[in-house]
Amino acid sequence: MTSNSASGDSDDLESLFDSIVAANAAEADPDIACDGTEKVINQIGHMARTLHDTLRELGLNKEIEKAASSIPDARDRLNYVATLTQQAAEKVLNATDAAQPIMEKVEVESHRLAGQWQMLFEKKLDVEQFKNLVMQTHAFLYEVPRQTKATNGYLMEIMMAQDFQDLTGQVIKKIIEVTKTMEQQLVALLLENAPAAVKEDYETGLLNGPVINATGRTDVVTNQDQVDELLESLGF
């Protein structure tokens, strides 16, 4: 799925990461701790490497690639999710629109015939009307299998349209994992280089990432609020 240009871009990034690592290793003095700026650059480099590797994994993952071979770039994955979701919704709506008239026709005709048979049981039909009722019922029963087969086909289309969830779920899960990891690393980076007073106030509990469901938990009380406050206190 990757093009030559994409491969070249990847090679250039690989070289950039390797050169940064090599330069840092060459300049590092084991007896002297890196100052704040060097630590920031180092960690940003590692974060960039993590993000780059994950995006590359998204683009080269064979299982996803097989079903989405038309996507030229991993950065289009969210558009891919939106497209698949829209296509699935359209398939479901189209199948429903096609199946509904069939079932409505079956319902109306069955009610009509049931009413006619009830009149027969109440001895309100003559012989000729009875013969017509038998012919109509026979024709109806002859058509029912064809109508139910068509409806089952549309139901199958609706079921098959849900297969998008597996593929989009993989993409969304990976994006969520990347986002969570990057947030944790960015918060850790900010805390490491924050003023001592700020660092002491916000250090505990922030490095575990956001909590989706904090109901009933006292150990994560205002995790997201703390992150917001930290960013505000640092001028972001």
Protein backbone atom coordinates (compact mmCIF):
# COMPACT_ATOMS: atom_id res chain seq x y z
CA MET A 1 0.00 0.00 0.00
CA THR A 2 2.92 2.36 0.57
CA SER A 3 4.22 4.25 -2.43
CA ASN A 4 7.84 4.93 -3.31
CA SER A 5 7.48 8.50 -2.09
CA ALA A 6 6.01 7.28 1.18
CA SER A 7 8.87 4.82 1.52
CA GLY A 8 11.36 7.60 0.85
CA ASP A 9 9.70 9.81 3.42
CA SER A 10 9.89 6.95 5.92
CA ASP A 11 13.58 6.40 5.22
CA ASP A 12 14.27 10.12 5.65
CA LEU A 13 12.48 10.13 9.00
CA GLU A 14 14.34 7.01 10.10
CA SER A 15 17.64 8.72 9.23
CA LEU A 16 16.59 11.85 11.09
CA PHE A 17 15.70 9.92 14.24
CA ASP A 18 18.92 7.90 14.08
CA SER A 19 21.05 11.00 13.55
CA ILE A 20 19.45 12.74 16.54
CA VAL A 21 20.06 9.71 18.74
CA ALA A 22 23.65 9.43 17.52
CA ALA A 23 24.31 13.13 18.06
CA ASN A 24 22.90 13.04 21.57
CA ALA A 25 24.98 9.98 22.39
CA ALA A 26 28.15 11.60 21.07
CA GLU A 27 27.62 14.85 22.94
CA ALA A 28 26.40 13.35 26.21
CA ASP A 29 28.74 13.62 29.18
CA PRO A 30 28.05 10.76 31.63
CA ASP A 31 29.25 12.91 34.50
CA ILE A 32 27.04 15.88 33.68
CA ALA A 33 23.26 15.64 33.70
CA CYS A 34 21.46 17.03 30.67
CA ASP A 35 19.93 20.43 31.23
CA GLY A 36 16.19 21.05 30.80
CA THR A 37 16.41 21.92 27.10
CA GLU A 38 18.30 18.76 26.19
CA LYS A 39 15.81 16.66 28.15
CA VAL A 40 12.91 18.31 26.36
CA ILE A 41 14.46 17.71 22.93
CA ASN A 42 15.28 14.13 23.87
CA GLN A 43 11.77 13.33 25.01
CA ILE A 44 10.15 15.09 22.06
CA GLY A 45 12.40 12.99 19.82
CA HIS A 46 11.22 9.79 21.49
CA MET A 47 7.61 10.92 21.22
CA ALA A 48 8.04 11.70 17.54
CA ARG A 49 9.57 8.28 17.03
CA THR A 50 6.63 6.59 18.82
CA LEU A 51 4.07 8.52 16.79
CA HIS A 52 5.89 7.86 13.52
CA ASP A 53 6.22 4.13 14.19
CA THR A 54 2.55 3.85 15.12
CA LEU A 55 1.39 5.69 12.00
CA ARG A 56 3.62 3.46 9.92
CA GLU A 57 2.13 0.41 11.65
CA LEU A 58 -1.34 1.65 10.77
CA GLY A 59 -0.31 1.95 7.16
CA LEU A 60 1.37 -1.44 6.94
CA ASN A 61 -0.89 -3.56 9.11
CA LYS A 62 -1.72 -6.45 6.77
CA GLU A 63 -5.10 -7.29 8.20
CA ILE A 64 -6.39 -3.75 7.78
CA GLU A 65 -4.51 -3.23 4.53
CA LYS A 66 -6.24 -6.20 2.93
CA ALA A 67 -9.67 -4.66 3.44
CA ALA A 68 -8.59 -1.07 2.83
CA SER A 69 -6.04 -1.42 0.04
CA SER A 70 -7.45 1.63 -1.70
CA ILE A 71 -6.24 3.94 1.07
CA PRO A 72 -2.87 5.44 0.06
CA ASP A 73 -1.85 6.91 3.39
CA ALA A 74 -2.27 5.99 7.05
CA ARG A 75 -3.16 9.59 7.86
CA ASP A 76 -6.40 9.10 5.89
CA ARG A 77 -7.64 6.49 8.35
CA LEU A 78 -10.18 8.74 10.02
CA ASN A 79 -11.64 9.65 6.63
CA TYR A 80 -11.73 5.92 5.95
CA VAL A 81 -13.70 5.34 9.15
CA ALA A 82 -16.18 8.06 8.21
CA THR A 83 -16.57 6.68 4.68
CA LEU A 84 -17.14 3.10 5.82
CA THR A 85 -19.64 4.22 8.43
CA GLN A 86 -21.56 6.28 5.89
CA GLN A 87 -21.57 3.43 3.37
CA ALA A 88 -22.85 1.00 6.00
CA ALA A 89 -25.61 3.42 7.03
CA GLU A 90 -26.68 3.85 3.40
CA LYS A 91 -26.78 0.08 2.86
CA VAL A 92 -28.92 -0.39 5.95
CA LEU A 93 -31.34 2.37 4.95
CA ASN A 94 -31.60 1.11 1.36
CA ALA A 95 -32.22 -2.47 2.47
CA THR A 96 -34.82 -1.32 4.99
CA ASP A 97 -36.59 0.82 2.39
CA ALA A 98 -36.70 -2.16 0.01
CA ALA A 99 -37.89 -4.70 2.60
CA GLN A 100 -40.54 -2.56 4.27
CA PRO A 101 -43.04 -2.45 1.34
CA ILE A 102 -42.79 -6.23 0.94
CA MET A 103 -43.66 -6.87 4.56
CA GLU A 104 -46.40 -4.23 4.53
CA LYS A 105 -47.99 -5.96 1.53
CA VAL A 106 -47.86 -9.33 3.32
CA GLU A 107 -49.41 -7.79 6.42
CA VAL A 108 -52.26 -6.08 4.53
CA GLU A 109 -53.08 -9.15 2.43
CA SER A 110 -53.00 -11.52 5.40
CA HIS A 111 -55.38 -9.27 7.36
CA ARG A 112 -57.72 -9.08 4.37
CA LEU A 113 -57.76 -12.85 3.88
CA ALA A 114 -58.20 -13.45 7.62
CA GLY A 115 -61.26 -11.21 7.54
CA GLN A 116 -62.68 -13.12 4.56
CA TRP A 117 -62.16 -16.45 6.29
CA GLN A 118 -63.84 -15.11 9.41
CA MET A 119 -66.86 -14.20 7.28
CA LEU A 120 -66.86 -17.76 5.91
CA PHE A 121 -66.89 -19.20 9.43
CA GLU A 122 -69.80 -16.90 10.21
CA LYS A 123 -71.58 -18.28 7.11
CA LYS A 124 -71.67 -14.90 5.40
CA LEU A 125 -70.17 -16.09 2.08
CA ASP A 126 -71.93 -17.94 -0.69
CA VAL A 127 -70.36 -20.77 -2.70
CA GLU A 128 -68.95 -18.50 -5.40
CA GLN A 129 -67.37 -16.18 -2.82
CA PHE A 130 -65.90 -19.18 -1.04
CA LYS A 131 -64.29 -20.39 -4.29
CA ASN A 132 -62.80 -16.94 -4.87
CA LEU A 133 -61.46 -16.89 -1.31
CA VAL A 134 -59.78 -20.27 -1.80
CA MET A 135 -58.13 -19.06 -5.03
CA GLN A 136 -56.96 -15.83 -3.39
CA THR A 137 -55.57 -17.70 -0.39
CA HIS A 138 -53.76 -20.15 -2.65
CA ALA A 139 -52.21 -17.28 -4.63
CA PHE A 140 -51.19 -15.52 -1.40
CA LEU A 141 -49.54 -18.63 0.05
CA TYR A 142 -47.75 -19.19 -3.26
CA GLU A 143 -46.27 -15.67 -3.08
CA VAL A 144 -45.26 -15.69 0.59
CA PRO A 145 -42.06 -17.78 0.15
CA ARG A 146 -40.84 -15.45 -2.61
CA GLN A 147 -41.53 -12.40 -0.47
CA THR A 148 -39.89 -13.85 2.63
CA LYS A 149 -36.86 -14.88 0.58
CA ALA A 150 -36.49 -11.32 -0.69
CA THR A 151 -36.87 -9.96 2.84
CA ASN A 152 -34.25 -12.38 4.16
CA GLY A 153 -31.91 -11.15 1.45
CA TYR A 154 -32.33 -7.56 2.62
CA LEU A 155 -31.83 -8.62 6.24
CA MET A 156 -28.60 -10.32 5.22
CA GLU A 157 -27.46 -7.09 3.55
CA ILE A 158 -28.14 -5.24 6.79
CA MET A 159 -26.15 -7.80 8.77
CA MET A 160 -23.23 -7.76 6.32
CA ALA A 161 -23.17 -3.97 6.41
CA GLN A 162 -22.10 -4.21 10.06
CA ASP A 163 -18.73 -5.72 9.15
CA PHE A 164 -17.36 -2.18 8.97
CA GLN A 165 -17.33 -2.10 12.77
CA ASP A 166 -14.48 -4.59 12.97
CA LEU A 167 -12.22 -2.59 10.66
CA THR A 168 -13.13 0.85 11.96
CA GLY A 169 -12.88 -0.45 15.52
CA GLN A 170 -9.26 -1.44 14.92
CA VAL A 171 -8.44 1.98 13.51
CA ILE A 172 -10.21 3.91 16.26
CA LYS A 173 -8.69 1.75 19.00
CA LYS A 174 -5.19 2.37 17.65
CA ILE A 175 -5.81 6.12 17.40
CA ILE A 176 -7.12 6.19 20.98
CA GLU A 177 -4.06 4.29 22.19
CA VAL A 178 -1.73 6.70 20.39
CA THR A 179 -3.59 9.74 21.74
CA LYS A 180 -3.54 8.41 25.30
CA THR A 181 0.17 7.60 25.13
CA MET A 182 1.05 10.99 23.66
CA GLU A 183 -1.00 12.78 26.33
CA GLN A 184 0.76 10.87 29.10
CA GLN A 185 4.17 11.65 27.64
CA LEU A 186 3.36 15.32 27.12
CA VAL A 187 2.08 15.68 30.69
CA ALA A 188 5.19 13.91 32.00
CA LEU A 189 7.36 16.23 29.91
CA LEU A 190 5.61 19.33 31.22
CA LEU A 191 5.86 18.14 34.82
CA GLU A 192 9.55 17.35 34.51
CA ASN A 193 10.30 20.87 33.36
CA ALA A 194 7.68 22.75 35.38
CA PRO A 195 8.57 25.06 38.27
CA ALA A 196 9.01 23.18 41.54
CA ALA A 197 5.85 24.61 43.12
CA VAL A 198 3.69 23.61 40.15
CA LYS A 199 5.36 20.21 39.88
CA GLU A 200 4.67 19.39 43.53
CA ASP A 201 0.98 20.34 43.25
CA TYR A 202 0.19 18.35 40.12
CA GLU A 203 2.68 15.49 39.96
CA THR A 204 0.63 12.84 41.78
CA GLY A 205 -1.97 11.05 39.71
CA LEU A 206 -1.49 12.87 36.41
CA LEU A 207 0.69 10.30 34.67
CA ASN A 208 -2.00 7.63 34.44
CA GLY A 209 -3.84 9.35 31.58
CA PRO A 210 -7.50 10.31 31.37
CA VAL A 211 -10.12 8.24 33.15
CA ILE A 212 -13.25 7.57 31.11
CA ASN A 213 -15.47 6.39 33.98
CA ALA A 214 -14.45 7.82 37.33
CA THR A 215 -17.79 7.18 39.04
CA GLY A 216 -17.29 5.94 42.57
CA ARG A 217 -13.51 6.30 42.43
CA THR A 218 -11.65 8.60 44.82
CA ASP A 219 -8.16 8.03 43.43
CA VAL A 220 -8.82 9.81 40.13
CA VAL A 221 -11.21 12.49 41.33
CA THR A 222 -10.41 15.36 38.96
CA ASN A 223 -7.78 13.90 36.67
CA GLN A 224 -8.85 15.83 33.59
CA ASP A 225 -9.39 19.00 35.62
CA GLN A 226 -5.87 18.65 37.01
CA VAL A 227 -4.45 18.39 33.51
CA ASP A 228 -6.38 21.51 32.48
CA GLU A 229 -5.18 23.38 35.56
CA LEU A 230 -1.59 22.31 34.92
CA LEU A 231 -1.70 23.59 31.36
CA GLU A 232 -3.25 26.87 32.49
CA SER A 233 -0.69 27.32 35.26
CA LEU A 234 2.10 26.92 32.71
CA GLY A 235 0.52 29.43 30.35
CA PHE A 236 -0.90 27.03 27.76
